[in-house]
Amino acid sequence: MNKNIEHTEQTRRMVQQHYGRVAETGGQVSCCAPRGGSKCCEAGAPPADLREMARQLGYSEEQLATLPENANMGLGCGNPVAMALLKPGETVLDLGSGAGMDCFIAAQVVGPSGRVIGVDMTPEMLRKARANIGKRMNIEFRLGEIEHLPVADNSVDVIMSNCVINLSPEKQKVFNEAFRVLRPGGHLAISDVVQIKPLTGTRWKGAKHLSACISGSVTVQALKTMLHEAGFADTRIALNESSREFIKDWDPGTGVEHYICSAFIEARK
């Protein structure tokens, strides 16, 4: 096997295994991998802690009140639903949907005439999400990779994602696939982390910091280039400076909040 392909597959398996463990243990703070120093990074954070984490990320009490049990796992770096300007009747796709938190909130907005599709490569996450669908007829969850979406061409109005694309070893493929499945005029509404200062040396290298949504981040310019290469127009990337307050807990005491920042990324087909 080609070494690049082998490395890509190893990275994908590692991320899949990590978030499988997160699903099985009940959630952790934001994107953090297990690392000492913060009780929020311990497996199975109490519901009150998870609710407070969601508030930090920009979720309202009204949004949180609509969620089924166990959908909020304390993952993410923003609230893409709040920024997506969803409309009743739209078809929404969530890349890396996890336990379905953003999907369940979006389904309330698009209503019974709309549709929400969550795609995730982690079976453990999908089991949690599907267990919460209940009588909701406008949500479905599909097993798949965001680099190879199990979604038809030109079939989606809005694509959301919450701190997931940074985990992909093939980000250009993710944006190419997003462009393929969006209808003309459709748009991206993505919350993710970007590098605001080069991640120098080896401090944030390796599996732990990739799963922690740190080492897989890229610069704003790199994102703009990938979106342009995929065919997108009207790209806008807005930094959320206040995200430093929760990012510092992803790797306490290292100053990581001076190197990466949460951002809202939008672009249109």
Protein backbone atom coordinates (compact mmCIF):
# COMPACT_ATOMS: atom_id res chain seq x y z
CA MET A 1 0.00 0.00 0.00
CA ASN A 2 1.18 3.51 -0.81
CA LYS A 3 2.61 5.14 2.35
CA ASN A 4 0.37 8.21 1.99
CA ILE A 5 -2.72 6.06 1.65
CA GLU A 6 -1.66 3.94 4.61
CA HIS A 7 -1.12 7.04 6.76
CA THR A 8 -4.51 8.42 5.73
CA GLU A 9 -6.27 5.20 6.68
CA GLN A 10 -4.41 4.97 9.99
CA THR A 11 -5.43 8.53 10.82
CA ARG A 12 -9.06 7.82 9.94
CA ARG A 13 -9.13 4.65 12.06
CA MET A 14 -7.55 6.43 15.00
CA VAL A 15 -10.15 9.22 14.94
CA GLN A 16 -12.95 6.68 14.52
CA GLN A 17 -11.74 4.65 17.51
CA HIS A 18 -11.35 7.74 19.67
CA TYR A 19 -14.87 9.01 19.03
CA GLY A 20 -16.24 5.50 19.39
CA ARG A 21 -14.88 5.54 22.94
CA VAL A 22 -16.37 9.00 23.49
CA ALA A 23 -19.79 7.65 22.45
CA GLU A 24 -19.50 4.65 24.73
CA THR A 25 -18.43 6.68 27.78
CA GLY A 26 -21.01 9.41 27.45
CA GLY A 27 -19.23 12.52 26.17
CA GLN A 28 -16.30 14.81 26.92
CA VAL A 29 -15.57 18.51 26.74
CA SER A 30 -15.60 19.99 23.24
CA CYS A 31 -13.10 18.15 21.04
CA CYS A 32 -10.76 17.21 23.85
CA ALA A 33 -8.96 13.91 24.04
CA PRO A 34 -8.28 12.35 27.45
CA ARG A 35 -5.64 14.39 29.23
CA GLY A 36 -5.30 15.23 32.88
CA GLY A 37 -5.95 18.53 34.57
CA SER A 38 -9.60 19.21 33.77
CA LYS A 39 -12.55 17.31 35.23
CA CYS A 40 -14.49 18.15 32.08
CA CYS A 41 -12.15 15.93 30.09
CA GLU A 42 -13.02 12.88 32.13
CA ALA A 43 -15.29 10.39 30.41
CA GLY A 44 -18.94 10.81 31.21
CA ALA A 45 -19.15 14.46 32.21
CA PRO A 46 -22.30 15.20 34.29
CA PRO A 47 -25.33 16.52 32.33
CA ALA A 48 -25.08 19.91 34.02
CA ASP A 49 -21.48 20.27 32.84
CA LEU A 50 -22.43 19.26 29.29
CA ARG A 51 -25.22 21.83 29.29
CA GLU A 52 -22.83 24.56 30.40
CA MET A 53 -20.33 23.53 27.71
CA ALA A 54 -23.08 23.85 25.11
CA ARG A 55 -23.94 27.33 26.36
CA GLN A 56 -20.28 28.31 25.97
CA LEU A 57 -20.44 27.17 22.35
CA GLY A 58 -23.44 29.42 21.66
CA TYR A 59 -26.46 27.15 22.11
CA SER A 60 -29.56 28.74 23.60
CA GLU A 61 -31.67 27.33 26.41
CA GLU A 62 -34.51 26.97 23.93
CA GLN A 63 -32.36 24.85 21.60
CA LEU A 64 -31.05 22.68 24.43
CA ALA A 65 -34.57 22.10 25.75
CA THR A 66 -35.61 20.43 22.48
CA LEU A 67 -32.81 17.84 22.54
CA PRO A 68 -33.45 14.16 23.22
CA GLU A 69 -31.49 12.44 25.95
CA ASN A 70 -27.76 11.91 25.28
CA ALA A 71 -27.68 13.99 22.07
CA ASN A 72 -25.52 16.65 23.77
CA MET A 73 -22.12 15.08 24.36
CA GLY A 74 -20.12 18.25 24.88
CA LEU A 75 -18.53 18.08 21.43
CA GLY A 76 -17.95 20.95 19.00
CA CYS A 77 -16.48 24.44 18.80
CA GLY A 78 -19.55 26.52 17.92
CA ASN A 79 -23.21 26.43 16.96
CA PRO A 80 -23.53 26.08 13.17
CA VAL A 81 -27.33 25.86 13.32
CA ALA A 82 -27.55 29.39 14.71
CA MET A 83 -25.54 30.67 11.75
CA ALA A 84 -27.01 28.51 8.98
CA LEU A 85 -30.16 30.64 8.39
CA LEU A 86 -32.22 27.51 7.84
CA LYS A 87 -35.69 27.73 6.34
CA PRO A 88 -38.72 25.44 6.58
CA GLY A 89 -38.69 22.78 3.89
CA GLU A 90 -34.93 22.74 3.33
CA THR A 91 -32.76 19.63 3.15
CA VAL A 92 -29.82 19.86 5.54
CA LEU A 93 -26.72 17.66 5.71
CA ASP A 94 -24.54 17.47 8.84
CA LEU A 95 -20.97 16.26 8.27
CA GLY A 96 -19.72 14.23 11.22
CA SER A 97 -23.07 14.32 12.98
CA GLY A 98 -22.01 12.35 16.07
CA ALA A 99 -24.90 11.73 18.46
CA GLY A 100 -27.05 14.09 16.39
CA MET A 101 -27.22 17.26 18.49
CA ASP A 102 -27.13 19.72 15.56
CA CYS A 103 -29.40 17.48 13.48
CA PHE A 104 -32.14 17.44 16.12
CA ILE A 105 -31.99 21.22 16.48
CA ALA A 106 -32.00 21.75 12.71
CA ALA A 107 -34.99 19.41 12.31
CA GLN A 108 -37.05 21.73 14.51
CA VAL A 109 -36.27 24.62 12.14
CA VAL A 110 -36.83 22.95 8.76
CA GLY A 111 -40.02 21.35 10.04
CA PRO A 112 -41.94 18.32 8.76
CA SER A 113 -41.63 19.49 5.16
CA GLY A 114 -37.83 19.59 5.48
CA ARG A 115 -35.25 16.89 5.93
CA VAL A 116 -32.05 16.47 7.94
CA ILE A 117 -29.36 13.91 7.11
CA GLY A 118 -26.50 13.17 9.47
CA VAL A 119 -23.40 11.35 8.21
CA ASP A 120 -20.85 9.86 10.60
CA MET A 121 -18.20 7.16 10.24
CA THR A 122 -18.45 5.98 13.87
CA PRO A 123 -21.00 3.18 14.42
CA GLU A 124 -21.16 3.87 18.15
CA MET A 125 -22.19 7.47 17.51
CA LEU A 126 -24.79 6.41 14.95
CA ARG A 127 -26.36 3.98 17.39
CA LYS A 128 -26.82 6.77 19.92
CA ALA A 129 -28.24 9.14 17.31
CA ARG A 130 -30.65 6.60 15.81
CA ALA A 131 -31.89 5.57 19.24
CA ASN A 132 -33.13 9.14 19.73
CA ILE A 133 -35.00 9.57 16.44
CA GLY A 134 -38.27 8.29 17.89
CA LYS A 135 -41.22 9.62 15.90
CA ARG A 136 -39.21 12.30 14.14
CA MET A 137 -39.86 11.53 10.47
CA ASN A 138 -37.61 14.23 9.02
CA ILE A 139 -34.24 12.94 10.35
CA GLU A 140 -32.02 10.08 9.24
CA PHE A 141 -28.47 9.08 10.06
CA ARG A 142 -26.16 7.39 7.57
CA LEU A 143 -22.89 5.57 8.10
CA GLY A 144 -20.19 7.03 5.88
CA GLU A 145 -17.04 9.08 5.53
CA ILE A 146 -17.25 12.80 4.88
CA GLU A 147 -14.66 12.34 2.13
CA HIS A 148 -17.02 9.88 0.37
CA LEU A 149 -20.54 11.06 1.19
CA PRO A 150 -23.44 8.58 0.83
CA VAL A 151 -25.57 11.41 -0.58
CA ALA A 152 -26.86 12.06 -4.12
CA ASP A 153 -25.60 14.86 -6.36
CA ASN A 154 -27.36 18.24 -6.11
CA SER A 155 -29.70 17.06 -3.35
CA VAL A 156 -28.92 19.28 -0.33
CA ASP A 157 -29.70 22.94 0.43
CA VAL A 158 -27.40 23.50 3.41
CA ILE A 159 -24.35 21.67 4.75
CA MET A 160 -23.40 22.04 8.41
CA SER A 161 -20.45 20.66 10.36
CA ASN A 162 -19.22 21.25 13.88
CA CYS A 163 -15.48 20.88 14.55
CA VAL A 164 -15.12 17.79 12.35
CA ILE A 165 -13.42 18.75 9.07
CA ASN A 166 -10.17 19.53 10.92
CA LEU A 167 -10.05 15.81 11.81
CA SER A 168 -10.04 14.73 8.17
CA PRO A 169 -6.69 13.80 6.59
CA GLU A 170 -8.21 14.64 3.16
CA LYS A 171 -9.88 18.02 3.59
CA GLN A 172 -9.92 18.86 -0.11
CA LYS A 173 -11.98 15.73 -0.75
CA VAL A 174 -14.43 16.84 1.95
CA PHE A 175 -15.03 20.17 0.23
CA ASN A 176 -15.19 18.53 -3.21
CA GLU A 177 -17.88 16.18 -1.91
CA ALA A 178 -19.75 19.03 -0.25
CA PHE A 179 -19.84 20.89 -3.55
CA ARG A 180 -21.07 17.78 -5.36
CA VAL A 181 -24.06 17.16 -3.11
CA LEU A 182 -25.17 20.79 -2.74
CA ARG A 183 -27.83 22.14 -5.03
CA PRO A 184 -26.90 25.24 -7.05
CA GLY A 185 -27.34 28.17 -4.69
CA GLY A 186 -26.86 25.95 -1.65
CA HIS A 187 -24.42 26.96 1.05
CA LEU A 188 -22.03 25.78 3.76
CA ALA A 189 -22.45 26.77 7.42
CA ILE A 190 -19.48 25.26 9.22
CA SER A 191 -18.01 25.77 12.66
CA ASP A 192 -14.40 24.60 12.87
CA VAL A 193 -10.98 25.53 14.20
CA VAL A 194 -8.31 27.36 12.23
CA GLN A 195 -4.67 28.12 12.86
CA ILE A 196 -4.03 31.75 13.72
CA LYS A 197 -0.35 31.10 14.49
CA PRO A 198 1.83 28.28 13.11
CA LEU A 199 1.81 25.14 15.26
CA THR A 200 5.57 24.99 15.58
CA GLY A 201 7.68 22.10 16.81
CA THR A 202 6.23 18.83 18.04
CA ARG A 203 4.18 20.02 21.03
CA TRP A 204 0.87 19.44 19.28
CA LYS A 205 1.76 16.54 17.03
CA GLY A 206 0.50 13.00 17.19
CA ALA A 207 -2.74 11.12 17.71
CA LYS A 208 -3.84 12.78 20.95
CA HIS A 209 -3.71 16.30 19.57
CA LEU A 210 -5.33 15.34 16.29
CA SER A 211 -8.35 13.89 18.13
CA ALA A 212 -8.33 17.03 20.27
CA CYS A 213 -9.02 19.13 17.15
CA ILE A 214 -5.65 20.87 17.39
CA SER A 215 -3.02 19.43 15.06
CA GLY A 216 -5.40 18.92 12.13
CA SER A 217 -6.30 22.60 11.90
CA VAL A 218 -5.16 24.66 8.91
CA THR A 219 -4.88 28.38 8.23
CA VAL A 220 -7.67 30.62 7.00
CA GLN A 221 -5.87 31.04 3.68
CA ALA A 222 -5.52 27.27 3.26
CA LEU A 223 -9.26 26.86 3.81
CA LYS A 224 -10.06 29.59 1.32
CA THR A 225 -7.83 27.91 -1.26
CA MET A 226 -9.49 24.51 -0.77
CA LEU A 227 -12.98 25.99 -1.01
CA HIS A 228 -12.01 27.82 -4.22
CA GLU A 229 -10.51 24.63 -5.68
CA ALA A 230 -13.75 22.79 -4.92
CA GLY A 231 -15.72 25.44 -6.83
CA PHE A 232 -17.26 27.50 -4.03
CA ALA A 233 -17.85 31.24 -4.20
CA ASP A 234 -18.70 34.00 -1.71
CA THR A 235 -16.43 32.48 0.94
CA ARG A 236 -16.39 34.12 4.34
CA ILE A 237 -14.41 32.99 7.37
CA ALA A 238 -15.11 34.85 10.62
CA LEU A 239 -12.97 34.19 13.69
CA ASN A 240 -14.62 33.78 17.07
CA GLU A 241 -12.09 35.41 19.38
CA SER A 242 -14.08 34.48 22.49
CA SER A 243 -13.45 30.80 21.71
CA ARG A 244 -10.06 31.14 23.41
CA GLU A 245 -11.92 30.78 26.71
CA PHE A 246 -12.87 27.16 26.03
CA ILE A 247 -10.01 26.23 23.70
CA LYS A 248 -7.50 26.81 26.51
CA ASP A 249 -9.07 23.81 28.27
CA TRP A 250 -8.38 21.51 25.32
CA ASP A 251 -4.72 21.32 26.38
CA PRO A 252 -4.44 23.18 29.69
CA GLY A 253 -1.32 25.22 30.43
CA THR A 254 0.17 25.00 26.91
CA GLY A 255 -1.17 28.26 25.48
CA VAL A 256 -2.93 26.42 22.67
CA GLU A 257 -5.57 29.19 22.60
CA HIS A 258 -2.94 31.51 21.08
CA TYR A 259 -2.47 29.16 18.10
CA ILE A 260 -5.96 28.04 17.11
CA CYS A 261 -9.34 29.70 17.13
CA SER A 262 -12.90 28.67 16.39
CA ALA A 263 -14.27 30.14 13.17
CA PHE A 264 -17.51 30.24 11.23
CA ILE A 265 -16.99 29.24 7.62
CA GLU A 266 -19.54 29.90 4.92
CA ALA A 267 -19.47 29.57 1.15
CA ARG A 268 -21.99 29.13 -1.65
CA LYS A 269 -22.31 26.89 -4.69
